[in-house]
Amino acid sequence: MALRTRACRVETLLDTFGGANSPSSRGVGVLREILHRYTAIERREAIGPALPVTLGIVDEVVPIEKADVLRAGEIVQNHALLSAREAVRIAAMERRRIRSILSFDGDFDRWPGLRRIHRI
């Protein structure tokens, strides 16, 4: 699927999430995952276009801080079904009081008080 087509699908999901004027944020991990995934599948040429598309549909990139990593450690020790990556995202969201996540990852449904926007 072409990168632009995927971006249009994400924009449609964001409209469902809160509308074009609703602020949205993305963890820095999403940008890292773009780098990781396109490197792993030997599609390095797609990294250049993918990063601006991603940054173009969010208002803020939420950084991961030391407190998030410490909280993520608590989360994974007490919730064995969550991965370390999921725990870091949840911790960063808690710190920022973000209660919803736009994700295809059903594991986020396991976290109380967190609303996952898109289910497939």
Protein backbone atom coordinates (compact mmCIF):
# COMPACT_ATOMS: atom_id res chain seq x y z
CA MET A 1 0.00 0.00 0.00
CA ALA A 2 1.37 3.42 -0.88
CA LEU A 3 2.58 5.62 1.94
CA ARG A 4 0.15 8.39 1.01
CA THR A 5 -2.79 5.96 1.08
CA ARG A 6 -1.79 4.86 4.58
CA ALA A 7 -1.52 8.49 5.65
CA CYS A 8 -5.05 9.12 4.38
CA ARG A 9 -6.32 6.16 6.39
CA VAL A 10 -4.59 7.48 9.50
CA GLU A 11 -6.08 10.94 8.90
CA THR A 12 -9.53 9.32 8.63
CA LEU A 13 -8.94 7.53 11.93
CA LEU A 14 -7.82 10.79 13.53
CA ASP A 15 -11.02 12.44 12.36
CA THR A 16 -12.92 9.62 14.08
CA PHE A 17 -10.71 10.11 17.13
CA GLY A 18 -11.52 13.74 17.68
CA GLY A 19 -11.83 15.72 14.51
CA ALA A 20 -9.33 17.73 12.54
CA ASN A 21 -9.14 20.44 15.21
CA SER A 22 -8.60 18.06 18.09
CA PRO A 23 -5.04 18.02 19.41
CA SER A 24 -3.27 14.71 18.97
CA SER A 25 -0.01 13.44 20.29
CA ARG A 26 2.30 10.60 19.49
CA GLY A 27 5.02 9.05 21.55
CA VAL A 28 8.56 9.31 20.33
CA GLY A 29 8.45 5.50 20.15
CA VAL A 30 6.27 5.68 17.05
CA LEU A 31 9.01 7.54 15.23
CA ARG A 32 11.54 5.00 16.45
CA GLU A 33 9.28 2.19 15.22
CA ILE A 34 9.16 3.76 11.75
CA LEU A 35 12.94 3.73 11.67
CA HIS A 36 13.09 0.17 13.02
CA ARG A 37 10.42 -1.31 10.76
CA TYR A 38 11.58 0.21 7.50
CA THR A 39 15.17 -0.75 8.32
CA ALA A 40 14.14 -4.33 9.19
CA ILE A 41 12.28 -4.82 5.92
CA GLU A 42 15.03 -3.15 3.88
CA ARG A 43 12.80 -0.22 2.88
CA ARG A 44 15.15 2.51 4.05
CA GLU A 45 14.08 4.77 1.20
CA ALA A 46 10.61 4.97 2.79
CA ILE A 47 11.93 6.47 6.03
CA GLY A 48 12.37 9.93 4.51
CA PRO A 49 8.72 10.26 3.42
CA ALA A 50 7.26 8.38 6.43
CA LEU A 51 8.59 10.66 9.16
CA PRO A 52 7.14 13.93 7.77
CA VAL A 53 3.79 12.24 7.07
CA THR A 54 3.65 11.05 10.67
CA LEU A 55 4.73 14.40 12.08
CA GLY A 56 2.23 16.14 9.80
CA ILE A 57 -0.77 14.47 11.45
CA VAL A 58 0.15 15.06 15.08
CA ASP A 59 0.41 18.24 17.09
CA GLU A 60 2.95 17.03 19.60
CA VAL A 61 5.51 14.28 20.02
CA VAL A 62 5.46 13.12 23.64
CA PRO A 63 8.98 12.44 24.90
CA ILE A 64 9.80 9.48 27.10
CA GLU A 65 11.24 10.64 30.42
CA LYS A 66 13.02 8.88 33.27
CA ALA A 67 9.82 8.88 35.35
CA ASP A 68 8.03 7.07 32.51
CA VAL A 69 10.61 4.30 32.43
CA LEU A 70 10.43 3.88 36.22
CA ARG A 71 6.63 3.74 36.09
CA ALA A 72 6.80 1.29 33.17
CA GLY A 73 8.92 -0.96 35.37
CA GLU A 74 6.14 -0.99 37.95
CA ILE A 75 3.55 -1.69 35.27
CA VAL A 76 5.32 -4.71 33.76
CA GLN A 77 6.04 -6.17 37.20
CA ASN A 78 2.34 -6.10 38.07
CA HIS A 79 0.76 -6.72 34.65
CA ALA A 80 2.50 -9.67 33.02
CA LEU A 81 0.38 -9.46 29.87
CA LEU A 82 1.75 -6.06 28.84
CA SER A 83 5.03 -5.66 26.97
CA ALA A 84 7.72 -3.23 28.02
CA ARG A 85 6.93 -1.01 25.00
CA GLU A 86 3.25 -0.91 25.92
CA ALA A 87 4.11 -0.13 29.54
CA VAL A 88 6.34 2.79 28.53
CA ARG A 89 3.56 4.21 26.35
CA ILE A 90 1.01 3.81 29.13
CA ALA A 91 3.35 5.47 31.64
CA ALA A 92 3.97 8.44 29.33
CA MET A 93 0.22 8.75 28.75
CA GLU A 94 -0.51 8.64 32.48
CA ARG A 95 2.02 11.41 33.09
CA ARG A 96 0.35 13.56 30.44
CA ARG A 97 -3.19 12.56 31.55
CA ILE A 98 -3.92 11.15 28.09
CA ARG A 99 -6.85 8.75 28.41
CA SER A 100 -7.25 7.57 24.79
CA ILE A 101 -4.93 5.93 22.32
CA LEU A 102 -5.28 5.44 18.58
CA SER A 103 -3.80 1.98 18.11
CA PHE A 104 -4.27 -1.34 16.39
CA ASP A 105 -2.70 -3.03 19.44
CA GLY A 106 -5.42 -4.85 21.38
CA ASP A 107 -3.16 -5.23 24.41
CA PHE A 108 -4.01 -1.64 25.35
CA ASP A 109 -7.57 -2.84 26.02
CA ARG A 110 -6.19 -4.56 29.14
CA TRP A 111 -5.28 -1.30 30.83
CA PRO A 112 -8.07 0.07 33.06
CA GLY A 113 -9.20 3.58 32.25
CA LEU A 114 -7.53 3.64 28.83
CA ARG A 115 -9.75 3.88 25.80
CA ARG A 116 -8.40 2.44 22.57
CA ILE A 117 -9.96 4.22 19.64
CA HIS A 118 -9.50 1.82 16.75
CA ARG A 119 -10.16 -1.88 16.94
CA ILE A 120 -9.61 -4.21 14.00
